[in-house]
N, C-alpha and C. Protein backbone atom coordinates (compact mmCIF):
# COMPACT_ATOMS: atom_id res chain seq x y z
N MET A 1 13.65 5.59 -1.73
CA MET A 1 13.68 4.88 -3.00
C MET A 1 12.25 4.68 -3.50
N ALA A 2 12.14 4.40 -4.76
CA ALA A 2 10.83 4.20 -5.36
C ALA A 2 10.79 2.87 -6.10
N ASN A 3 9.60 2.34 -6.21
CA ASN A 3 9.37 1.13 -6.99
C ASN A 3 10.19 -0.07 -6.51
N GLU A 4 10.25 -0.27 -5.18
CA GLU A 4 11.00 -1.40 -4.64
C GLU A 4 10.32 -2.74 -4.90
N ILE A 5 9.03 -2.72 -5.11
CA ILE A 5 8.30 -3.95 -5.42
C ILE A 5 7.96 -3.94 -6.90
N THR A 6 8.36 -4.96 -7.61
CA THR A 6 8.02 -5.08 -9.03
C THR A 6 7.47 -6.47 -9.28
N GLY A 7 6.64 -6.57 -10.28
CA GLY A 7 6.09 -7.87 -10.63
C GLY A 7 5.55 -7.89 -12.04
N LYS A 8 5.22 -9.08 -12.48
CA LYS A 8 4.64 -9.26 -13.81
C LYS A 8 3.62 -10.38 -13.72
N LEU A 9 2.45 -10.12 -14.23
CA LEU A 9 1.38 -11.11 -14.27
C LEU A 9 1.09 -11.45 -15.72
N THR A 10 0.99 -12.73 -16.01
CA THR A 10 0.68 -13.18 -17.36
C THR A 10 -0.44 -14.21 -17.28
N LEU A 11 -1.43 -14.07 -18.13
CA LEU A 11 -2.55 -15.00 -18.19
C LEU A 11 -2.79 -15.34 -19.65
N LYS A 12 -2.81 -16.63 -19.96
CA LYS A 12 -3.06 -17.09 -21.32
C LYS A 12 -4.12 -18.18 -21.29
N ALA A 13 -4.97 -18.19 -22.31
CA ALA A 13 -5.98 -19.23 -22.44
C ALA A 13 -6.16 -19.57 -23.92
N SER A 14 -6.40 -20.86 -24.18
CA SER A 14 -6.62 -21.32 -25.54
C SER A 14 -7.60 -22.47 -25.51
N LYS A 15 -8.69 -22.33 -26.27
CA LYS A 15 -9.68 -23.40 -26.33
C LYS A 15 -10.49 -23.26 -27.60
N GLY A 16 -10.68 -24.37 -28.29
CA GLY A 16 -11.51 -24.38 -29.49
C GLY A 16 -11.04 -23.43 -30.57
N GLY A 17 -9.75 -23.21 -30.67
CA GLY A 17 -9.21 -22.33 -31.70
C GLY A 17 -9.15 -20.87 -31.29
N ALA A 18 -9.77 -20.52 -30.17
CA ALA A 18 -9.72 -19.14 -29.69
C ALA A 18 -8.58 -19.00 -28.69
N ASN A 19 -7.88 -17.88 -28.78
CA ASN A 19 -6.76 -17.61 -27.89
C ASN A 19 -6.90 -16.22 -27.29
N VAL A 20 -6.49 -16.10 -26.04
CA VAL A 20 -6.44 -14.80 -25.38
C VAL A 20 -5.20 -14.77 -24.51
N ALA A 21 -4.55 -13.63 -24.45
CA ALA A 21 -3.36 -13.47 -23.62
C ALA A 21 -3.36 -12.07 -23.04
N ARG A 22 -2.96 -11.98 -21.80
CA ARG A 22 -2.88 -10.68 -21.11
C ARG A 22 -1.64 -10.70 -20.24
N SER A 23 -0.84 -9.66 -20.32
CA SER A 23 0.37 -9.55 -19.52
C SER A 23 0.51 -8.12 -19.03
N GLU A 24 0.77 -7.96 -17.75
CA GLU A 24 0.94 -6.63 -17.14
C GLU A 24 2.14 -6.64 -16.22
N SER A 25 2.92 -5.59 -16.26
CA SER A 25 4.01 -5.37 -15.32
C SER A 25 3.59 -4.26 -14.38
N PHE A 26 4.10 -4.29 -13.16
CA PHE A 26 3.76 -3.24 -12.22
C PHE A 26 4.94 -2.97 -11.29
N SER A 27 4.95 -1.78 -10.71
CA SER A 27 5.93 -1.42 -9.70
C SER A 27 5.22 -0.60 -8.63
N ILE A 28 5.61 -0.82 -7.39
CA ILE A 28 4.95 -0.21 -6.24
C ILE A 28 6.01 0.30 -5.28
N ASP A 29 5.80 1.49 -4.74
CA ASP A 29 6.70 2.00 -3.71
C ASP A 29 6.44 1.24 -2.41
N MET A 30 7.51 0.85 -1.74
CA MET A 30 7.42 0.15 -0.46
C MET A 30 7.90 1.11 0.62
N THR A 31 6.95 1.82 1.24
CA THR A 31 7.31 2.77 2.28
C THR A 31 7.52 2.08 3.63
N GLY A 32 6.90 0.91 3.82
CA GLY A 32 7.09 0.15 5.05
C GLY A 32 8.38 -0.65 5.02
N GLU A 33 8.70 -1.28 6.13
CA GLU A 33 9.93 -2.05 6.23
C GLU A 33 9.68 -3.52 6.57
N SER A 34 8.47 -3.88 6.94
CA SER A 34 8.18 -5.23 7.39
C SER A 34 7.87 -6.15 6.22
N PHE A 35 8.26 -7.40 6.36
CA PHE A 35 7.85 -8.43 5.43
C PHE A 35 7.79 -9.75 6.17
N TYR A 36 7.02 -10.67 5.61
CA TYR A 36 6.91 -12.01 6.20
C TYR A 36 6.89 -13.01 5.06
N HIS A 37 7.62 -14.11 5.22
CA HIS A 37 7.57 -15.22 4.28
C HIS A 37 7.63 -16.50 5.07
N GLY A 38 6.63 -17.37 4.88
CA GLY A 38 6.60 -18.63 5.60
C GLY A 38 5.49 -19.52 5.07
N VAL A 39 5.36 -20.68 5.70
CA VAL A 39 4.31 -21.64 5.37
C VAL A 39 3.50 -21.90 6.63
N GLN A 40 2.18 -21.82 6.49
CA GLN A 40 1.28 -22.05 7.61
C GLN A 40 0.38 -23.23 7.32
N ASN A 41 0.20 -24.10 8.31
CA ASN A 41 -0.74 -25.20 8.20
C ASN A 41 -2.13 -24.65 8.51
N ILE A 42 -3.04 -24.75 7.53
CA ILE A 42 -4.39 -24.20 7.66
C ILE A 42 -5.37 -25.34 7.88
N SER A 43 -6.12 -25.28 8.98
CA SER A 43 -7.10 -26.32 9.30
C SER A 43 -8.44 -26.00 8.66
N THR A 44 -9.46 -26.79 8.95
CA THR A 44 -10.79 -26.58 8.39
C THR A 44 -11.59 -25.55 9.19
N GLY A 45 -11.00 -25.00 10.24
CA GLY A 45 -11.65 -23.93 11.01
C GLY A 45 -11.21 -22.57 10.51
N ASN A 46 -11.85 -21.55 11.04
CA ASN A 46 -11.54 -20.17 10.68
C ASN A 46 -10.24 -19.75 11.38
N GLU A 47 -9.15 -19.53 10.63
CA GLU A 47 -7.85 -19.21 11.21
C GLU A 47 -7.34 -17.87 10.72
N THR A 48 -6.73 -17.12 11.62
CA THR A 48 -6.03 -15.90 11.24
C THR A 48 -4.69 -16.30 10.64
N LEU A 49 -4.29 -15.64 9.56
CA LEU A 49 -2.96 -15.92 9.02
C LEU A 49 -1.92 -15.47 10.04
N GLU A 50 -0.90 -16.29 10.25
CA GLU A 50 0.05 -16.05 11.33
C GLU A 50 1.03 -14.91 11.07
N ILE A 51 0.91 -14.22 9.95
CA ILE A 51 1.78 -13.07 9.71
C ILE A 51 1.62 -12.04 10.81
N TYR A 52 0.45 -11.98 11.45
CA TYR A 52 0.20 -10.97 12.47
C TYR A 52 0.85 -11.34 13.80
N GLU A 53 1.11 -12.62 14.04
CA GLU A 53 1.77 -13.04 15.27
C GLU A 53 3.28 -13.15 15.10
N LEU A 54 3.75 -13.44 13.88
CA LEU A 54 5.17 -13.75 13.66
C LEU A 54 5.96 -12.65 12.97
N SER A 55 5.37 -11.49 12.80
CA SER A 55 6.07 -10.40 12.11
C SER A 55 5.69 -9.08 12.76
N ASN A 56 6.14 -7.98 12.18
CA ASN A 56 5.83 -6.65 12.68
C ASN A 56 4.53 -6.09 12.11
N PHE A 57 3.78 -6.88 11.36
CA PHE A 57 2.51 -6.42 10.80
C PHE A 57 1.46 -6.33 11.88
N ASP A 58 0.58 -5.34 11.76
CA ASP A 58 -0.64 -5.39 12.55
C ASP A 58 -1.80 -5.49 11.58
N SER A 59 -2.97 -5.78 12.09
CA SER A 59 -4.11 -6.11 11.24
C SER A 59 -4.65 -4.93 10.44
N THR A 60 -4.18 -3.72 10.72
CA THR A 60 -4.68 -2.56 9.98
C THR A 60 -3.76 -2.13 8.85
N GLU A 61 -2.59 -2.74 8.73
CA GLU A 61 -1.64 -2.35 7.70
C GLU A 61 -2.01 -2.93 6.34
N THR A 62 -1.66 -2.18 5.31
CA THR A 62 -1.86 -2.63 3.94
C THR A 62 -0.58 -3.28 3.45
N GLY A 63 -0.71 -4.36 2.72
CA GLY A 63 0.46 -5.03 2.19
C GLY A 63 0.16 -5.75 0.89
N ILE A 64 1.22 -6.03 0.14
CA ILE A 64 1.11 -6.87 -1.04
C ILE A 64 1.23 -8.31 -0.54
N CYS A 65 0.26 -9.13 -0.89
CA CYS A 65 0.19 -10.49 -0.37
C CYS A 65 0.23 -11.50 -1.52
N PHE A 66 1.15 -12.45 -1.41
CA PHE A 66 1.23 -13.58 -2.33
C PHE A 66 0.91 -14.83 -1.52
N LEU A 67 -0.04 -15.62 -1.99
CA LEU A 67 -0.43 -16.87 -1.34
C LEU A 67 -0.38 -18.01 -2.34
N LYS A 68 0.10 -19.18 -1.89
CA LYS A 68 0.09 -20.36 -2.74
C LYS A 68 -0.34 -21.56 -1.92
N ASN A 69 -1.35 -22.28 -2.43
CA ASN A 69 -1.81 -23.51 -1.81
C ASN A 69 -0.84 -24.62 -2.20
N LEU A 70 -0.11 -25.16 -1.23
CA LEU A 70 0.89 -26.18 -1.49
C LEU A 70 0.33 -27.60 -1.46
N ASP A 71 -0.97 -27.74 -1.23
CA ASP A 71 -1.59 -29.07 -1.15
C ASP A 71 -1.76 -29.68 -2.54
N ASP A 72 -1.78 -31.01 -2.59
CA ASP A 72 -1.95 -31.73 -3.86
C ASP A 72 -3.41 -32.00 -4.20
N THR A 73 -4.31 -31.86 -3.22
CA THR A 73 -5.69 -32.27 -3.42
C THR A 73 -6.73 -31.24 -3.03
N ASN A 74 -6.59 -30.65 -1.85
CA ASN A 74 -7.64 -29.84 -1.24
C ASN A 74 -7.48 -28.35 -1.52
N TYR A 75 -8.60 -27.63 -1.48
CA TYR A 75 -8.55 -26.20 -1.67
C TYR A 75 -8.55 -25.47 -0.34
N VAL A 76 -8.21 -24.18 -0.39
CA VAL A 76 -8.22 -23.32 0.78
C VAL A 76 -8.94 -22.03 0.39
N GLU A 77 -9.69 -21.47 1.33
CA GLU A 77 -10.40 -20.22 1.11
C GLU A 77 -9.75 -19.13 1.96
N ILE A 78 -9.68 -17.91 1.39
CA ILE A 78 -9.05 -16.77 2.05
C ILE A 78 -10.04 -15.61 2.05
N GLY A 79 -10.06 -14.83 3.13
CA GLY A 79 -10.93 -13.66 3.15
C GLY A 79 -10.73 -12.81 4.38
N LEU A 80 -11.55 -11.77 4.48
CA LEU A 80 -11.58 -10.92 5.65
C LEU A 80 -12.69 -11.42 6.57
N THR A 81 -12.43 -11.51 7.86
CA THR A 81 -13.31 -12.16 8.84
C THR A 81 -13.67 -13.54 8.31
N SER A 82 -14.94 -13.90 8.30
CA SER A 82 -15.31 -15.22 7.79
C SER A 82 -15.99 -15.12 6.42
N SER A 83 -15.81 -13.99 5.74
CA SER A 83 -16.35 -13.81 4.40
C SER A 83 -15.27 -14.18 3.40
N TYR A 84 -15.29 -15.42 2.92
CA TYR A 84 -14.22 -15.92 2.06
C TYR A 84 -14.49 -15.57 0.60
N THR A 85 -13.58 -14.80 0.00
CA THR A 85 -13.78 -14.36 -1.37
C THR A 85 -12.72 -14.90 -2.33
N ILE A 86 -11.67 -15.52 -1.79
CA ILE A 86 -10.62 -16.10 -2.63
C ILE A 86 -10.59 -17.60 -2.39
N LYS A 87 -10.61 -18.37 -3.46
CA LYS A 87 -10.54 -19.84 -3.37
C LYS A 87 -9.35 -20.31 -4.17
N LEU A 88 -8.40 -20.96 -3.50
CA LEU A 88 -7.22 -21.49 -4.17
C LEU A 88 -7.30 -23.00 -4.20
N LEU A 89 -7.46 -23.55 -5.41
CA LEU A 89 -7.43 -25.00 -5.56
C LEU A 89 -6.00 -25.48 -5.35
N ALA A 90 -5.82 -26.78 -5.26
CA ALA A 90 -4.49 -27.37 -5.05
C ALA A 90 -3.50 -26.80 -6.06
N GLY A 91 -2.38 -26.26 -5.58
CA GLY A 91 -1.34 -25.74 -6.45
C GLY A 91 -1.54 -24.33 -6.96
N GLU A 92 -2.71 -23.73 -6.73
CA GLU A 92 -2.97 -22.38 -7.24
C GLU A 92 -2.38 -21.31 -6.34
N CYS A 93 -2.21 -20.10 -6.93
CA CYS A 93 -1.68 -18.97 -6.17
C CYS A 93 -2.48 -17.71 -6.47
N ALA A 94 -2.27 -16.69 -5.62
CA ALA A 94 -2.94 -15.41 -5.79
C ALA A 94 -2.01 -14.29 -5.34
N LEU A 95 -2.14 -13.13 -5.97
CA LEU A 95 -1.38 -11.95 -5.62
C LEU A 95 -2.36 -10.80 -5.53
N PHE A 96 -2.38 -10.10 -4.40
CA PHE A 96 -3.34 -9.01 -4.21
C PHE A 96 -2.86 -8.06 -3.13
N ARG A 97 -3.51 -6.91 -3.06
CA ARG A 97 -3.25 -5.93 -2.01
C ARG A 97 -4.22 -6.21 -0.87
N ALA A 98 -3.68 -6.51 0.29
CA ALA A 98 -4.50 -6.84 1.46
C ALA A 98 -4.63 -5.60 2.35
N ALA A 99 -5.83 -5.36 2.83
CA ALA A 99 -6.08 -4.23 3.73
C ALA A 99 -6.98 -4.73 4.86
N GLY A 100 -6.41 -5.35 5.84
CA GLY A 100 -7.17 -5.89 6.95
C GLY A 100 -6.67 -7.28 7.31
N THR A 101 -7.17 -7.81 8.40
CA THR A 101 -6.76 -9.12 8.87
C THR A 101 -7.27 -10.20 7.93
N LEU A 102 -6.38 -11.08 7.48
CA LEU A 102 -6.75 -12.17 6.58
C LEU A 102 -7.00 -13.45 7.36
N PHE A 103 -8.02 -14.17 6.95
CA PHE A 103 -8.38 -15.45 7.55
C PHE A 103 -8.37 -16.52 6.47
N ALA A 104 -8.22 -17.77 6.88
CA ALA A 104 -8.21 -18.88 5.92
C ALA A 104 -8.86 -20.10 6.54
N ARG A 105 -9.34 -20.99 5.66
CA ARG A 105 -9.84 -22.29 6.10
C ARG A 105 -9.70 -23.27 4.95
N ALA A 106 -9.32 -24.51 5.29
CA ALA A 106 -9.21 -25.58 4.30
C ALA A 106 -10.58 -26.25 4.17
N ASN A 107 -10.80 -26.94 3.05
CA ASN A 107 -12.15 -27.50 2.84
C ASN A 107 -12.34 -28.88 3.45
N THR A 108 -11.39 -29.79 3.37
CA THR A 108 -11.60 -31.17 3.84
C THR A 108 -10.61 -31.55 4.93
N THR A 109 -9.34 -31.39 4.65
CA THR A 109 -8.28 -31.61 5.63
C THR A 109 -7.32 -30.44 5.56
N ALA A 110 -6.46 -30.32 6.55
CA ALA A 110 -5.51 -29.22 6.63
C ALA A 110 -4.63 -29.16 5.38
N VAL A 111 -4.26 -27.94 4.99
CA VAL A 111 -3.37 -27.71 3.85
C VAL A 111 -2.22 -26.81 4.29
N GLU A 112 -1.14 -26.85 3.54
CA GLU A 112 -0.01 -25.96 3.75
C GLU A 112 -0.20 -24.77 2.81
N LEU A 113 -0.12 -23.56 3.38
CA LEU A 113 -0.31 -22.33 2.61
C LEU A 113 0.97 -21.51 2.69
N GLU A 114 1.59 -21.24 1.53
CA GLU A 114 2.76 -20.35 1.50
C GLU A 114 2.27 -18.93 1.53
N ILE A 115 2.89 -18.10 2.38
CA ILE A 115 2.49 -16.71 2.57
C ILE A 115 3.70 -15.80 2.40
N LEU A 116 3.56 -14.79 1.55
CA LEU A 116 4.56 -13.74 1.44
C LEU A 116 3.82 -12.42 1.52
N MET A 117 4.14 -11.60 2.53
CA MET A 117 3.48 -10.31 2.72
C MET A 117 4.54 -9.23 2.80
N LEU A 118 4.37 -8.15 2.01
CA LEU A 118 5.27 -7.01 2.00
C LEU A 118 4.50 -5.78 2.44
N GLU A 119 4.98 -5.13 3.48
CA GLU A 119 4.30 -3.94 4.01
C GLU A 119 4.42 -2.77 3.04
N LEU A 120 3.31 -2.09 2.81
CA LEU A 120 3.33 -0.89 1.96
C LEU A 120 3.33 0.37 2.80
């Protein structure tokens, strides 16, 4: 089958009378069979996302990754090794193609991070 993964991203902004809007739909072939969906408690230390321990993923597989910070106050950082390139403030989410082992750390106290990973 083809295009088993579909999605739509929409971004809108309005300030001072200026408006901008961007919307994109996408579809991706899912040749893999593994997926993981769960919530992980992320501490202030460098932690591996538990998708690698609780699913059939290994750290070299590529996948579509959806992350959402479920905390009301604190942010969480996501990245490869200890190089954090994604910062999710309280309530924010991200969708990206992951290629390598993902790590996370909370900034002040532990946060709950929703994780959805689909093997490509």
